[in-house]
Amino acid sequence: MSELTLTKTRLFEGMWEGALTYKGDTGPDPQVEVTYLGDDVDGCEVALSDAPGTWRLRFPVPKESLSDGVQTIIVTNKATGERLNSLSFIAGEALADDLRAEIDLLRAELDMLKRAFRRHCVETM
């Protein structure tokens, strides 16, 4: 059997959409499972697309996934158990602290590089 691939096409108004295709040959109608925290996501739709050999996958992003911290929705191939794609959200206070720490680290490294460059320029003149 050919390998099934999933390519994200868009995330719009709370609906995630992607295109399912088989690498190489065609295959049976794809059976996918969309889960959040181990539970199935309601409203998942797989339909034949206008493009030959392509199916359209659509599912609503669960409201409960939009909360503080890192949240991940996983799309798997039911036939093989292979992970096809994932969607992650990072939100809330934890994100703000992490970004500030990263920015502070980048600033410190930039200052270090500026000092080293200036010292190099003085020493080579």
PDB file of N, CA and C in Angstrom:
ATOM      1  N   MET A   1       0.844  -1.187   0.000  1.00  0.00           N
ATOM      2  CA  MET A   1       0.000   0.000   0.000  1.00  0.00           C
ATOM      3  C   MET A   1       0.884   1.244   0.000  1.00  0.00           C
ATOM      4  N   SER A   2       0.447   2.263  -0.697  1.00  0.00           N
ATOM      5  CA  SER A   2       1.198   3.517  -0.784  1.00  0.00           C
ATOM      6  C   SER A   2       1.068   4.294   0.518  1.00  0.00           C
ATOM      7  N   GLU A   3       2.033   5.177   0.730  1.00  0.00           N
ATOM      8  CA  GLU A   3       2.068   5.988   1.933  1.00  0.00           C
ATOM      9  C   GLU A   3       1.115   7.178   1.806  1.00  0.00           C
ATOM     10  N   LEU A   4       0.325   7.397   2.836  1.00  0.00           N
ATOM     11  CA  LEU A   4      -0.633   8.503   2.883  1.00  0.00           C
ATOM     12  C   LEU A   4       0.062   9.740   3.445  1.00  0.00           C
ATOM     13  N   THR A   5      -0.139  10.889   2.793  1.00  0.00           N
ATOM     14  CA  THR A   5       0.436  12.143   3.286  1.00  0.00           C
ATOM     15  C   THR A   5      -0.678  13.163   3.502  1.00  0.00           C
ATOM     16  N   LEU A   6      -0.452  14.042   4.453  1.00  0.00           N
ATOM     17  CA  LEU A   6      -1.410  15.108   4.760  1.00  0.00           C
ATOM     18  C   LEU A   6      -0.672  16.430   4.709  1.00  0.00           C
ATOM     19  N   THR A   7      -1.191  17.342   3.890  1.00  0.00           N
ATOM     20  CA  THR A   7      -0.610  18.668   3.744  1.00  0.00           C
ATOM     21  C   THR A   7      -1.628  19.705   4.197  1.00  0.00           C
ATOM     22  N   LYS A   8      -1.234  20.530   5.168  1.00  0.00           N
ATOM     23  CA  LYS A   8      -2.127  21.590   5.644  1.00  0.00           C
ATOM     24  C   LYS A   8      -2.364  22.589   4.521  1.00  0.00           C
ATOM     25  N   THR A   9      -3.625  22.953   4.316  1.00  0.00           N
ATOM     26  CA  THR A   9      -3.914  23.978   3.319  1.00  0.00           C
ATOM     27  C   THR A   9      -4.266  25.306   3.980  1.00  0.00           C
ATOM     28  N   ARG A  10      -4.995  25.248   5.104  1.00  0.00           N
ATOM     29  CA  ARG A  10      -5.276  26.502   5.815  1.00  0.00           C
ATOM     30  C   ARG A  10      -5.936  26.247   7.153  1.00  0.00           C
ATOM     31  N   LEU A  11      -5.881  27.258   7.998  1.00  0.00           N
ATOM     32  CA  LEU A  11      -6.610  27.319   9.261  1.00  0.00           C
ATOM     33  C   LEU A  11      -7.395  28.611   9.190  1.00  0.00           C
ATOM     34  N   PHE A  12      -8.718  28.501   9.106  1.00  0.00           N
ATOM     35  CA  PHE A  12      -9.547  29.682   8.878  1.00  0.00           C
ATOM     36  C   PHE A  12     -10.810  29.584   9.707  1.00  0.00           C
ATOM     37  N   GLU A  13     -11.067  30.627  10.503  1.00  0.00           N
ATOM     38  CA  GLU A  13     -12.261  30.724  11.333  1.00  0.00           C
ATOM     39  C   GLU A  13     -12.494  29.463  12.158  1.00  0.00           C
ATOM     40  N   GLY A  14     -11.408  28.961  12.747  1.00  0.00           N
ATOM     41  CA  GLY A  14     -11.509  27.816  13.636  1.00  0.00           C
ATOM     42  C   GLY A  14     -11.593  26.466  12.955  1.00  0.00           C
ATOM     43  N   MET A  15     -11.500  26.426  11.627  1.00  0.00           N
ATOM     44  CA  MET A  15     -11.530  25.154  10.893  1.00  0.00           C
ATOM     45  C   MET A  15     -10.143  24.889  10.310  1.00  0.00           C
ATOM     46  N   TRP A  16      -9.582  23.719  10.634  1.00  0.00           N
ATOM     47  CA  TRP A  16      -8.304  23.294  10.065  1.00  0.00           C
ATOM     48  C   TRP A  16      -8.614  22.497   8.815  1.00  0.00           C
ATOM     49  N   GLU A  17      -7.902  22.768   7.732  1.00  0.00           N
ATOM     50  CA  GLU A  17      -8.144  22.072   6.473  1.00  0.00           C
ATOM     51  C   GLU A  17      -6.833  21.562   5.905  1.00  0.00           C
ATOM     52  N   GLY A  18      -6.891  20.376   5.311  1.00  0.00           N
ATOM     53  CA  GLY A  18      -5.704  19.800   4.709  1.00  0.00           C
ATOM     54  C   GLY A  18      -6.073  18.891   3.553  1.00  0.00           C
ATOM     55  N   ALA A  19      -5.064  18.505   2.771  1.00  0.00           N
ATOM     56  CA  ALA A  19      -5.252  17.633   1.613  1.00  0.00           C
ATOM     57  C   ALA A  19      -4.555  16.302   1.876  1.00  0.00           C
ATOM     58  N   LEU A  20      -5.298  15.221   1.715  1.00  0.00           N
ATOM     59  CA  LEU A  20      -4.774  13.868   1.878  1.00  0.00           C
ATOM     60  C   LEU A  20      -4.484  13.278   0.509  1.00  0.00           C
ATOM     61  N   THR A  21      -3.283  12.756   0.317  1.00  0.00           N
ATOM     62  CA  THR A  21      -2.909  12.113  -0.947  1.00  0.00           C
ATOM     63  C   THR A  21      -2.038  10.901  -0.642  1.00  0.00           C
ATOM     64  N   TYR A  22      -1.957  10.006  -1.608  1.00  0.00           N
ATOM     65  CA  TYR A  22      -1.065   8.858  -1.505  1.00  0.00           C
ATOM     66  C   TYR A  22       0.182   9.149  -2.331  1.00  0.00           C
ATOM     67  N   LYS A  23       1.345   8.831  -1.774  1.00  0.00           N
ATOM     68  CA  LYS A  23       2.586   8.972  -2.536  1.00  0.00           C
ATOM     69  C   LYS A  23       2.632   7.844  -3.559  1.00  0.00           C
ATOM     70  N   GLY A  24       2.929   8.183  -4.782  1.00  0.00           N
ATOM     71  CA  GLY A  24       2.991   7.171  -5.833  1.00  0.00           C
ATOM     72  C   GLY A  24       1.618   6.819  -6.351  1.00  0.00           C
ATOM     73  N   ASP A  25       1.104   5.676  -5.944  1.00  0.00           N
ATOM     74  CA  ASP A  25      -0.183   5.185  -6.427  1.00  0.00           C
ATOM     75  C   ASP A  25      -1.340   5.854  -5.705  1.00  0.00           C
ATOM     76  N   THR A  26      -2.512   5.379  -6.048  1.00  0.00           N
ATOM     77  CA  THR A  26      -3.701   5.781  -5.311  1.00  0.00           C
ATOM     78  C   THR A  26      -3.975   4.696  -4.283  1.00  0.00           C
ATOM     79  N   GLY A  27      -4.900   4.912  -3.419  1.00  0.00           N
ATOM     80  CA  GLY A  27      -5.203   3.933  -2.385  1.00  0.00           C
ATOM     81  C   GLY A  27      -6.663   4.014  -1.993  1.00  0.00           C
ATOM     82  N   PRO A  28      -7.022   3.271  -0.975  1.00  0.00           N
ATOM     83  CA  PRO A  28      -8.412   3.294  -0.510  1.00  0.00           C
ATOM     84  C   PRO A  28      -8.753   4.638   0.126  1.00  0.00           C
ATOM     85  N   ASP A  29     -10.031   4.866   0.342  1.00  0.00           N
ATOM     86  CA  ASP A  29     -10.439   6.096   1.023  1.00  0.00           C
ATOM     87  C   ASP A  29      -9.708   6.180   2.358  1.00  0.00           C
ATOM     88  N   PRO A  30      -9.050   7.292   2.628  1.00  0.00           N
ATOM     89  CA  PRO A  30      -8.266   7.408   3.859  1.00  0.00           C
ATOM     90  C   PRO A  30      -9.159   7.414   5.100  1.00  0.00           C
ATOM     91  N   GLN A  31      -8.675   6.753   6.115  1.00  0.00           N
ATOM     92  CA  GLN A  31      -9.327   6.749   7.424  1.00  0.00           C
ATOM     93  C   GLN A  31      -8.384   7.435   8.394  1.00  0.00           C
ATOM     94  N   VAL A  32      -8.773   8.594   8.885  1.00  0.00           N
ATOM     95  CA  VAL A  32      -7.913   9.348   9.799  1.00  0.00           C
ATOM     96  C   VAL A  32      -8.601   9.520  11.139  1.00  0.00           C
ATOM     97  N   GLU A  33      -7.766   9.759  12.142  1.00  0.00           N
ATOM     98  CA  GLU A  33      -8.260  10.009  13.485  1.00  0.00           C
ATOM     99  C   GLU A  33      -7.654  11.319  13.954  1.00  0.00           C
ATOM    100  N   VAL A  34      -8.488  12.225  14.432  1.00  0.00           N
ATOM    101  CA  VAL A  34      -8.032  13.513  14.945  1.00  0.00           C
ATOM    102  C   VAL A  34      -8.307  13.514  16.444  1.00  0.00           C
ATOM    103  N   THR A  35      -7.237  13.694  17.248  1.00  0.00           N
ATOM    104  CA  THR A  35      -7.404  13.627  18.699  1.00  0.00           C
ATOM    105  C   THR A  35      -6.801  14.840  19.391  1.00  0.00           C
ATOM    106  N   TYR A  36      -7.381  15.164  20.539  1.00  0.00           N
ATOM    107  CA  TYR A  36      -6.866  16.197  21.432  1.00  0.00           C
ATOM    108  C   TYR A  36      -6.906  15.604  22.837  1.00  0.00           C
ATOM    109  N   LEU A  37      -5.765  15.530  23.486  1.00  0.00           N
ATOM    110  CA  LEU A  37      -5.614  14.915  24.809  1.00  0.00           C
ATOM    111  C   LEU A  37      -6.165  13.489  24.827  1.00  0.00           C
ATOM    112  N   GLY A  38      -5.971  12.766  23.730  1.00  0.00           N
ATOM    113  CA  GLY A  38      -6.389  11.373  23.645  1.00  0.00           C
ATOM    114  C   GLY A  38      -7.836  11.157  23.271  1.00  0.00           C
ATOM    115  N   ASP A  39      -8.626  12.222  23.209  1.00  0.00           N
ATOM    116  CA  ASP A  39     -10.044  12.113  22.852  1.00  0.00           C
ATOM    117  C   ASP A  39     -10.255  12.517  21.402  1.00  0.00           C
ATOM    118  N   ASP A  40     -11.201  11.848  20.731  1.00  0.00           N
ATOM    119  CA  ASP A  40     -11.510  12.193  19.347  1.00  0.00           C
ATOM    120  C   ASP A  40     -12.087  13.602  19.253  1.00  0.00           C
ATOM    121  N   VAL A  41     -11.704  14.308  18.202  1.00  0.00           N
ATOM    122  CA  VAL A  41     -12.248  15.642  17.927  1.00  0.00           C
ATOM    123  C   VAL A  41     -13.526  15.455  17.115  1.00  0.00           C
ATOM    124  N   ASP A  42     -14.617  16.031  17.598  1.00  0.00           N
ATOM    125  CA  ASP A  42     -15.901  15.933  16.899  1.00  0.00           C
ATOM    126  C   ASP A  42     -15.914  16.808  15.655  1.00  0.00           C
ATOM    127  N   GLY A  43     -16.646  16.382  14.641  1.00  0.00           N
ATOM    128  CA  GLY A  43     -16.834  17.185  13.443  1.00  0.00           C
ATOM    129  C   GLY A  43     -15.771  16.974  12.382  1.00  0.00           C
ATOM    130  N   CYS A  44     -14.968  15.917  12.494  1.00  0.00           N
ATOM    131  CA  CYS A  44     -13.926  15.632  11.506  1.00  0.00           C
ATOM    132  C   CYS A  44     -14.578  15.121  10.224  1.00  0.00           C
ATOM    133  N   GLU A  45     -14.204  15.712   9.082  1.00  0.00           N
ATOM    134  CA  GLU A  45     -14.782  15.341   7.789  1.00  0.00           C
ATOM    135  C   GLU A  45     -13.682  14.999   6.797  1.00  0.00           C
ATOM    136  N   VAL A  46     -13.831  13.846   6.107  1.00  0.00           N
ATOM    137  CA  VAL A  46     -12.949  13.482   5.007  1.00  0.00           C
ATOM    138  C   VAL A  46     -13.828  13.331   3.774  1.00  0.00           C
ATOM    139  N   ALA A  47     -13.555  14.123   2.741  1.00  0.00           N
ATOM    140  CA  ALA A  47     -14.374  14.091   1.528  1.00  0.00           C
ATOM    141  C   ALA A  47     -13.465  14.109   0.304  1.00  0.00           C
ATOM    142  N   LEU A  48     -13.915  13.471  -0.764  1.00  0.00           N
ATOM    143  CA  LEU A  48     -13.166  13.464  -2.013  1.00  0.00           C
ATOM    144  C   LEU A  48     -13.084  14.886  -2.546  1.00  0.00           C
ATOM    145  N   SER A  49     -11.897  15.274  -2.970  1.00  0.00           N
ATOM    146  CA  SER A  49     -11.652  16.623  -3.479  1.00  0.00           C
ATOM    147  C   SER A  49     -11.876  16.664  -4.985  1.00  0.00           C
ATOM    148  N   ASP A  50     -11.876  17.864  -5.552  1.00  0.00           N
ATOM    149  CA  ASP A  50     -11.980  18.024  -7.004  1.00  0.00           C
ATOM    150  C   ASP A  50     -10.724  17.521  -7.702  1.00  0.00           C
ATOM    151  N   ALA A  51      -9.570  17.627  -7.027  1.00  0.00           N
ATOM    152  CA  ALA A  51      -8.310  17.159  -7.611  1.00  0.00           C
ATOM    153  C   ALA A  51      -8.296  15.628  -7.594  1.00  0.00           C
ATOM    154  N   PRO A  52      -7.873  15.001  -8.670  1.00  0.00           N
ATOM    155  CA  PRO A  52      -7.862  13.545  -8.708  1.00  0.00           C
ATOM    156  C   PRO A  52      -6.905  12.941  -7.674  1.00  0.00           C
ATOM    157  N   GLY A  53      -7.359  11.887  -6.995  1.00  0.00           N
ATOM    158  CA  GLY A  53      -6.525  11.201  -6.008  1.00  0.00           C
ATOM    159  C   GLY A  53      -6.292  11.982  -4.741  1.00  0.00           C
ATOM    160  N   THR A  54      -7.133  12.979  -4.475  1.00  0.00           N
ATOM    161  CA  THR A  54      -6.959  13.830  -3.295  1.00  0.00           C
ATOM    162  C   THR A  54      -8.259  13.892  -2.501  1.00  0.00           C
ATOM    163  N   TRP A  55      -8.125  13.820  -1.185  1.00  0.00           N
ATOM    164  CA  TRP A  55      -9.262  13.971  -0.291  1.00  0.00           C
ATOM    165  C   TRP A  55      -9.040  15.207   0.558  1.00  0.00           C
ATOM    166  N   ARG A  56     -10.127  15.825   0.966  1.00  0.00           N
ATOM    167  CA  ARG A  56     -10.058  17.017   1.812  1.00  0.00           C
ATOM    168  C   ARG A  56     -10.400  16.619   3.249  1.00  0.00           C
ATOM    169  N   LEU A  57      -9.546  17.001   4.178  1.00  0.00           N
ATOM    170  CA  LEU A  57      -9.791  16.785   5.603  1.00  0.00           C
ATOM    171  C   LEU A  57     -10.115  18.118   6.239  1.00  0.00           C
ATOM    172  N   ARG A  58     -11.196  18.153   7.015  1.00  0.00           N
ATOM    173  CA  ARG A  58     -11.582  19.367   7.748  1.00  0.00           C
ATOM    174  C   ARG A  58     -11.990  18.973   9.154  1.00  0.00           C
ATOM    175  N   PHE A  59     -11.582  19.780  10.116  1.00  0.00           N
ATOM    176  CA  PHE A  59     -12.083  19.577  11.474  1.00  0.00           C
ATOM    177  C   PHE A  59     -12.048  20.901  12.224  1.00  0.00           C
ATOM    178  N   PRO A  60     -13.016  21.088  13.127  1.00  0.00           N
ATOM    179  CA  PRO A  60     -13.015  22.313  13.932  1.00  0.00           C
ATOM    180  C   PRO A  60     -11.989  22.195  15.052  1.00  0.00           C
ATOM    181  N   VAL A  61     -11.284  23.274  15.310  1.00  0.00           N
ATOM    182  CA  VAL A  61     -10.345  23.306  16.437  1.00  0.00           C
ATOM    183  C   VAL A  61     -11.194  23.351  17.708  1.00  0.00           C
ATOM    184  N   PRO A  62     -11.026  22.372  18.594  1.00  0.00           N
ATOM    185  CA  PRO A  62     -11.848  22.355  19.812  1.00  0.00           C
ATOM    186  C   PRO A  62     -11.607  23.593  20.672  1.00  0.00           C
ATOM    187  N   LYS A  63     -12.676  24.163  21.178  1.00  0.00           N
ATOM    188  CA  LYS A  63     -12.555  25.354  22.026  1.00  0.00           C
ATOM    189  C   LYS A  63     -11.691  25.089  23.247  1.00  0.00           C
ATOM    190  N   GLU A  64     -11.805  23.884  23.799  1.00  0.00           N
ATOM    191  CA  GLU A  64     -11.049  23.571  25.008  1.00  0.00           C
ATOM    192  C   GLU A  64      -9.536  23.513  24.762  1.00  0.00           C
ATOM    193  N   SER A  65      -9.117  23.429  23.499  1.00  0.00           N
ATOM    194  CA  SER A  65      -7.681  23.412  23.203  1.00  0.00           C
ATOM    195  C   SER A  65      -7.070  24.810  23.265  1.00  0.00           C
ATOM    196  N   LEU A  66      -7.895  25.825  23.297  1.00  0.00           N
ATOM    197  CA  LEU A  66      -7.405  27.208  23.363  1.00  0.00           C
ATOM    198  C   LEU A  66      -7.342  27.645  24.818  1.00  0.00           C
ATOM    199  N   SER A  67      -6.264  27.239  25.491  1.00  0.00           N
ATOM    200  CA  SER A  67      -6.080  27.564  26.897  1.00  0.00           C
ATOM    201  C   SER A  67      -4.593  27.760  27.171  1.00  0.00           C
ATOM    202  N   ASP A  68      -4.266  28.181  28.390  1.00  0.00           N
ATOM    203  CA  ASP A  68      -2.878  28.449  28.754  1.00  0.00           C
ATOM    204  C   ASP A  68      -1.995  27.228  28.532  1.00  0.00           C
ATOM    205  N   GLY A  69      -0.763  27.497  28.144  1.00  0.00           N
ATOM    206  CA  GLY A  69       0.208  26.434  27.963  1.00  0.00           C
ATOM    207  C   GLY A  69       0.301  25.981  26.516  1.00  0.00           C
ATOM    208  N   VAL A  70       0.884  24.808  26.326  1.00  0.00           N
ATOM    209  CA  VAL A  70       1.044  24.228  24.998  1.00  0.00           C
ATOM    210  C   VAL A  70      -0.018  23.159  24.817  1.00  0.00           C
ATOM    211  N   GLN A  71      -0.796  23.266  23.756  1.00  0.00           N
ATOM    212  CA  GLN A  71      -1.855  22.302  23.449  1.00  0.00           C
ATOM    213  C   GLN A  71      -1.601  21.755  22.055  1.00  0.00           C
ATOM    214  N   THR A  72      -1.803  20.443  21.865  1.00  0.00           N
ATOM    215  CA  THR A  72      -1.512  19.813  20.578  1.00  0.00           C
ATOM    216  C   THR A  72      -2.669  18.932  20.131  1.00  0.00           C
ATOM    217  N   ILE A  73      -3.028  19.085  18.874  1.00  0.00           N
ATOM    218  CA  ILE A  73      -4.032  18.232  18.223  1.00  0.00           C
ATOM    219  C   ILE A  73      -3.263  17.357  17.245  1.00  0.00           C
ATOM    220  N   ILE A  74      -3.535  16.053  17.247  1.00  0.00           N
ATOM    221  CA  ILE A  74      -2.778  15.108  16.427  1.00  0.00           C
ATOM    222  C   ILE A  74      -3.692  14.442  15.413  1.00  0.00           C
ATOM    223  N   VAL A  75      -3.204  14.338  14.164  1.00  0.00           N
ATOM    224  CA  VAL A  75      -3.924  13.654  13.089  1.00  0.00           C
ATOM    225  C   VAL A  75      -3.137  12.393  12.745  1.00  0.00           C
ATOM    226  N   THR A  76      -3.787  11.225  12.845  1.00  0.00           N
ATOM    227  CA  THR A  76      -3.111   9.961  12.558  1.00  0.00           C
ATOM    228  C   THR A  76      -3.876   9.166  11.510  1.00  0.00           C
ATOM    229  N   ASN A  77      -3.140   8.299  10.834  1.00  0.00           N
ATOM    230  CA  ASN A  77      -3.710   7.361   9.871  1.00  0.00           C
ATOM    231  C   ASN A  77      -4.238   6.177  10.676  1.00  0.00           C
ATOM    232  N   LYS A  78      -5.548   5.935  10.642  1.00  0.00           N
ATOM    233  CA  LYS A  78      -6.131   4.845  11.420  1.00  0.00           C
ATOM    234  C   LYS A  78      -5.580   3.484  10.992  1.00  0.00           C
ATOM    235  N   ALA A  79      -5.300   3.317   9.707  1.00  0.00           N
ATOM    236  CA  ALA A  79      -4.852   2.021   9.194  1.00  0.00           C
ATOM    237  C   ALA A  79      -3.467   1.641   9.707  1.00  0.00           C
ATOM    238  N   THR A  80      -2.561   2.618   9.806  1.00  0.00           N
ATOM    239  CA  THR A  80      -1.175   2.314  10.177  1.00  0.00           C
ATOM    240  C   THR A  80      -0.779   2.847  11.546  1.00  0.00           C
ATOM    241  N   GLY A  81      -1.566   3.779  12.090  1.00  0.00           N
ATOM    242  CA  GLY A  81      -1.201   4.413  13.352  1.00  0.00           C
ATOM    243  C   GLY A  81      -0.151   5.490  13.195  1.00  0.00           C
ATOM    244  N   GLU A  82       0.244   5.777  11.957  1.00  0.00           N
ATOM    245  CA  GLU A  82       1.274   6.786  11.672  1.00  0.00           C
ATOM    246  C   GLU A  82       0.716   8.194  11.890  1.00  0.00           C
ATOM    247  N   ARG A  83       1.531   9.051  12.522  1.00  0.00           N
ATOM    248  CA  ARG A  83       1.132  10.449  12.693  1.00  0.00           C
ATOM    249  C   ARG A  83       1.298  11.161  11.361  1.00  0.00           C
ATOM    250  N   LEU A  84       0.227  11.778  10.885  1.00  0.00           N
ATOM    251  CA  LEU A  84       0.247  12.478   9.601  1.00  0.00           C
ATOM    252  C   LEU A  84       0.576  13.953   9.757  1.00  0.00           C
ATOM    253  N   ASN A  85       0.089  14.555  10.832  1.00  0.00           N
ATOM    254  CA  ASN A  85       0.299  15.980  11.044  1.00  0.00           C
ATOM    255  C   ASN A  85      -0.087  16.313  12.470  1.00  0.00           C
ATOM    256  N   SER A  86       0.234  17.518  12.898  1.00  0.00           N
ATOM    257  CA  SER A  86      -0.178  17.983  14.218  1.00  0.00           C
ATOM    258  C   SER A  86      -0.362  19.491  14.174  1.00  0.00           C
ATOM    259  N   LEU A  87      -1.116  19.972  15.133  1.00  0.00           N
ATOM    260  CA  LEU A  87      -1.391  21.398  15.247  1.00  0.00           C
ATOM    261  C   LEU A  87      -1.158  21.769  16.698  1.00  0.00           C
ATOM    262  N   SER A  88      -0.269  22.711  16.960  1.00  0.00           N
ATOM    263  CA  SER A  88       0.042  23.099  18.333  1.00  0.00           C
ATOM    264  C   SER A  88      -0.253  24.571  18.552  1.00  0.00           C
ATOM    265  N   PHE A  89      -0.729  24.865  19.758  1.00  0.00           N
ATOM    266  CA  PHE A  89      -0.983  26.239  20.184  1.00  0.00           C
ATOM    267  C   PHE A  89      -0.192  26.495  21.449  1.00  0.00           C
ATOM    268  N   ILE A  90       0.390  27.680  21.541  1.00  0.00           N
ATOM    269  CA  ILE A  90       1.061  28.105  22.762  1.00  0.00           C
ATOM    270  C   ILE A  90       0.418  29.426  23.153  1.00  0.00           C
ATOM    271  N   ALA A  91      -0.113  29.476  24.366  1.00  0.00           N
ATOM    272  CA  ALA A  91      -0.824  30.690  24.767  1.00  0.00           C
ATOM    273  C   ALA A  91      -0.713  30.916  26.270  1.00  0.00           C
ATOM    274  N   GLY A  92      -1.053  32.132  26.676  1.00  0.00           N
ATOM    275  CA  GLY A  92      -1.164  32.444  28.085  1.00  0.00           C
ATOM    276  C   GLY A  92       0.099  33.005  28.696  1.00  0.00           C
ATOM    277  N   GLU A  93       0.098  33.048  30.018  1.00  0.00           N
ATOM    278  CA  GLU A  93       1.193  33.633  30.777  1.00  0.00           C
ATOM    279  C   GLU A  93       2.503  32.890  30.590  1.00  0.00           C
ATOM    280  N   ALA A  94       2.449  31.586  30.466  1.00  0.00           N
ATOM    281  CA  ALA A  94       3.686  30.816  30.291  1.00  0.00           C
ATOM    282  C   ALA A  94       4.430  31.278  29.044  1.00  0.00           C
ATOM    283  N   LEU A  95       3.688  31.584  27.999  1.00  0.00           N
ATOM    284  CA  LEU A  95       4.295  32.045  26.755  1.00  0.00           C
ATOM    285  C   LEU A  95       5.010  33.372  26.949  1.00  0.00           C
ATOM    286  N   ALA A  96       4.380  34.296  27.654  1.00  0.00           N
ATOM    287  CA  ALA A  96       4.974  35.618  27.843  1.00  0.00           C
ATOM    288  C   ALA A  96       6.317  35.511  28.550  1.00  0.00           C
ATOM    289  N   ASP A  97       6.404  34.693  29.600  1.00  0.00           N
ATOM    290  CA  ASP A  97       7.660  34.541  30.323  1.00  0.00           C
ATOM    291  C   ASP A  97       8.720  33.898  29.444  1.00  0.00           C
ATOM    292  N   ASP A  98       8.342  32.882  28.681  1.00  0.00           N
ATOM    293  CA  ASP A  98       9.300  32.205  27.817  1.00  0.00           C
ATOM    294  C   ASP A  98       9.845  33.146  26.750  1.00  0.00           C
ATOM    295  N   LEU A  99       8.976  33.943  26.145  1.00  0.00           N
ATOM    296  CA  LEU A  99       9.429  34.862  25.099  1.00  0.00           C
ATOM    297  C   LEU A  99      10.327  35.944  25.678  1.00  0.00           C
ATOM    298  N   ARG A 100       9.990  36.448  26.838  1.00  0.00           N
ATOM    299  CA  ARG A 100      10.833  37.474  27.458  1.00  0.00           C
ATOM    300  C   ARG A 100      12.204  36.920  27.788  1.00  0.00           C
ATOM    301  N   ALA A 101      12.257  35.703  28.287  1.00  0.00           N
ATOM    302  CA  ALA A 101      13.542  35.085  28.601  1.00  0.00           C
ATOM    303  C   ALA A 101      14.369  34.891  27.332  1.00  0.00           C
ATOM    304  N   GLU A 102      13.740  34.443  26.248  1.00  0.00           N
ATOM    305  CA  GLU A 102      14.453  34.261  24.980  1.00  0.00           C
ATOM    306  C   GLU A 102      14.964  35.590  24.439  1.00  0.00           C
ATOM    307  N   ILE A 103      14.156  36.640  24.524  1.00  0.00           N
ATOM    308  CA  ILE A 103      14.574  37.955  24.045  1.00  0.00           C
ATOM    309  C   ILE A 103      15.749  38.468  24.885  1.00  0.00           C
ATOM    310  N   ASP A 104      15.679  38.276  26.208  1.00  0.00           N
ATOM    311  CA  ASP A 104      16.796  38.686  27.066  1.00  0.00           C
ATOM    312  C   ASP A 104      18.068  37.935  26.699  1.00  0.00           C
ATOM    313  N   LEU A 105      17.961  36.638  26.432  1.00  0.00           N
ATOM    314  CA  LEU A 105      19.123  35.848  26.042  1.00  0.00           C
ATOM    315  C   LEU A 105      19.686  36.329  24.708  1.00  0.00           C
ATOM    316  N   LEU A 106      18.819  36.606  23.746  1.00  0.00           N
ATOM    317  CA  LEU A 106      19.278  37.114  22.445  1.00  0.00           C
ATOM    318  C   LEU A 106      19.968  38.465  22.582  1.00  0.00           C
ATOM    319  N   ARG A 107      19.426  39.336  23.424  1.00  0.00           N
ATOM    320  CA  ARG A 107      20.056  40.642  23.642  1.00  0.00           C
ATOM    321  C   ARG A 107      21.442  40.479  24.254  1.00  0.00           C
ATOM    322  N   ALA A 108      21.571  39.581  25.233  1.00  0.00           N
ATOM    323  CA  ALA A 108      22.865  39.358  25.870  1.00  0.00           C
ATOM    324  C   ALA A 108      23.874  38.825  24.860  1.00  0.00           C
ATOM    325  N   GLU A 109      23.430  37.888  24.016  1.00  0.00           N
ATOM    326  CA  GLU A 109      24.342  37.351  23.004  1.00  0.00           C
ATOM    327  C   GLU A 109      24.721  38.412  21.974  1.00  0.00           C
ATOM    328  N   LEU A 110      23.790  39.271  21.596  1.00  0.00           N
ATOM    329  CA  LEU A 110      24.092  40.349  20.656  1.00  0.00           C
ATOM    330  C   LEU A 110      25.091  41.326  21.256  1.00  0.00           C
ATOM    331  N   ASP A 111      24.913  41.673  22.539  1.00  0.00           N
ATOM    332  CA  ASP A 111      25.877  42.555  23.207  1.00  0.00           C
ATOM    333  C   ASP A 111      27.265  41.925  23.237  1.00  0.00           C
ATOM    334  N   MET A 112      27.339  40.619  23.507  1.00  0.00           N
ATOM    335  CA  MET A 112      28.615  39.924  23.531  1.00  0.00           C
ATOM    336  C   MET A 112      29.274  39.966  22.149  1.00  0.00           C
ATOM    337  N   LEU A 113      28.505  39.737  21.093  1.00  0.00           N
ATOM    338  CA  LEU A 113      29.039  39.788  19.735  1.00  0.00           C
ATOM    339  C   LEU A 113      29.509  41.194  19.369  1.00  0.00           C
ATOM    340  N   LYS A 114      28.761  42.212  19.796  1.00  0.00           N
ATOM    341  CA  LYS A 114      29.180  43.598  19.513  1.00  0.00           C
ATOM    342  C   LYS A 114      30.506  43.914  20.183  1.00  0.00           C
ATOM    343  N   ARG A 115      30.659  43.500  21.451  1.00  0.00           N
ATOM    344  CA  ARG A 115      31.926  43.750  22.156  1.00  0.00           C
ATOM    345  C   ARG A 115      33.075  43.023  21.472  1.00  0.00           C
ATOM    346  N   ALA A 116      32.853  41.772  21.096  1.00  0.00           N
ATOM    347  CA  ALA A 116      33.915  40.998  20.442  1.00  0.00           C
ATOM    348  C   ALA A 116      34.283  41.623  19.097  1.00  0.00           C
ATOM    349  N   PHE A 117      33.296  42.095  18.355  1.00  0.00           N
ATOM    350  CA  PHE A 117      33.573  42.719  17.060  1.00  0.00           C
ATOM    351  C   PHE A 117      34.354  44.017  17.232  1.00  0.00           C
ATOM    352  N   ARG A 118      33.963  44.824  18.191  1.00  0.00           N
ATOM    353  CA  ARG A 118      34.675  46.079  18.445  1.00  0.00           C
ATOM    354  C   ARG A 118      36.119  45.818  18.859  1.00  0.00           C
ATOM    355  N   ARG A 119      36.305  44.817  19.743  1.00  0.00           N
ATOM    356  CA  ARG A 119      37.661  44.457  20.185  1.00  0.00           C
ATOM    357  C   ARG A 119      38.486  43.988  18.993  1.00  0.00           C
ATOM    358  N   HIS A 120      37.890  43.211  18.116  1.00  0.00           N
ATOM    359  CA  HIS A 120      38.585  42.723  16.912  1.00  0.00           C
ATOM    360  C   HIS A 120      39.004  43.904  16.026  1.00  0.00           C
ATOM    361  N   CYS A 121      38.092  44.867  15.858  1.00  0.00           N
ATOM    362  CA  CYS A 121      38.404  46.033  15.015  1.00  0.00           C
ATOM    363  C   CYS A 121      39.560  46.848  15.606  1.00  0.00           C
ATOM    364  N   VAL A 122      39.587  47.032  16.905  1.00  0.00           N
ATOM    365  CA  VAL A 122      40.650  47.791  17.563  1.00  0.00           C
ATOM    366  C   VAL A 122      41.982  47.058  17.435  1.00  0.00           C
ATOM    367  N   GLU A 123      41.978  45.736  17.598  1.00  0.00           N
ATOM    368  CA  GLU A 123      43.211  44.955  17.566  1.00  0.00           C
ATOM    369  C   GLU A 123      43.799  44.842  16.171  1.00  0.00           C
ATOM    370  N   THR A 124      42.985  44.923  15.120  1.00  0.00           N
ATOM    371  CA  THR A 124      43.497  44.760  13.756  1.00  0.00           C
ATOM    372  C   THR A 124      43.880  46.071  13.109  1.00  0.00           C
ATOM    373  N   MET A 125      43.688  47.197  13.754  1.00  0.00           N
ATOM    374  CA  MET A 125      44.056  48.493  13.176  1.00  0.00           C
ATOM    375  C   MET A 125      45.486  48.824  13.413  1.00  0.00           C
TER     376      MET A 125
END
